[in-house]
Amino acid sequence: MTIDHGTYMPITYIITAAARAGAEVVIAPDLAHFGTGYTAMTLACGLLVPTGLIPRRPQRS
């Protein structure tokens, strides 16, 4: 799935789409692309940005 500057997809939609697709990582141009939502993204899958990989975090029970 490709999301570019012309795609309307709030962070919650991106997280849901990644989780449903079973994505291992989402590639983003930088953390500013997600704002503070990047922490929620890492509950669904890893996040790859130019500074490196932010791994998926295990969900708390």
Protein backbone atom coordinates (compact mmCIF):
# COMPACT_ATOMS: atom_id res chain seq x y z
CA MET A 1 0.00 0.00 0.00
CA THR A 2 1.36 3.43 -0.87
CA ILE A 3 0.34 6.56 1.00
CA ASP A 4 1.64 9.81 -0.42
CA HIS A 5 1.07 13.53 0.13
CA GLY A 6 -2.21 13.37 -1.82
CA THR A 7 -3.69 10.53 0.22
CA TYR A 8 -6.12 11.36 3.00
CA MET A 9 -5.43 8.78 5.67
CA PRO A 10 -5.30 9.82 9.32
CA ILE A 11 -2.95 7.88 11.60
CA THR A 12 -5.74 5.67 12.93
CA TYR A 13 -6.52 4.49 9.39
CA ILE A 14 -2.84 3.81 8.69
CA ILE A 15 -2.49 1.77 11.89
CA THR A 16 -5.67 -0.19 11.13
CA ALA A 17 -4.60 -0.88 7.54
CA ALA A 18 -1.13 -2.01 8.67
CA ALA A 19 -2.56 -4.33 11.33
CA ARG A 20 -5.14 -5.86 8.96
CA ALA A 21 -2.51 -6.42 6.28
CA GLY A 22 -0.14 -8.03 8.77
CA ALA A 23 2.54 -5.48 7.93
CA GLU A 24 5.97 -6.02 9.47
CA VAL A 25 6.97 -2.37 9.04
CA VAL A 26 5.67 0.93 7.74
CA ILE A 27 8.22 3.11 5.96
CA ALA A 28 7.92 6.84 6.62
CA PRO A 29 9.98 9.88 5.57
CA ASP A 30 10.37 10.96 9.21
CA LEU A 31 8.68 10.83 12.61
CA ALA A 32 7.05 14.22 12.00
CA HIS A 33 4.87 12.42 9.43
CA PHE A 34 3.08 10.69 12.34
CA GLY A 35 3.53 13.20 15.16
CA THR A 36 3.07 11.56 18.53
CA GLY A 37 1.00 8.86 16.81
CA TYR A 38 4.18 6.96 15.99
CA THR A 39 3.99 5.34 19.43
CA ALA A 40 0.59 3.87 18.55
CA MET A 41 1.93 2.70 15.19
CA THR A 42 4.59 0.60 16.90
CA LEU A 43 1.87 -1.40 18.64
CA ALA A 44 0.75 -2.65 15.21
CA CYS A 45 4.12 -3.00 13.46
CA GLY A 46 7.62 -1.57 13.25
CA LEU A 47 8.30 1.87 11.83
CA LEU A 48 11.24 2.48 9.51
CA VAL A 49 12.44 6.07 9.25
CA PRO A 50 15.74 7.44 7.88
CA THR A 51 17.25 7.46 11.38
CA GLY A 52 16.58 3.72 11.78
CA LEU A 53 14.03 1.11 12.74
CA ILE A 54 11.65 1.59 15.63
CA PRO A 55 10.63 -1.98 16.43
CA ARG A 56 7.14 -3.19 17.16
CA ARG A 57 6.33 -2.95 20.85
CA PRO A 58 4.58 -5.81 22.59
CA GLN A 59 1.10 -4.96 23.80
CA ARG A 60 0.61 -4.89 27.54
CA SER A 61 -1.73 -7.46 29.00
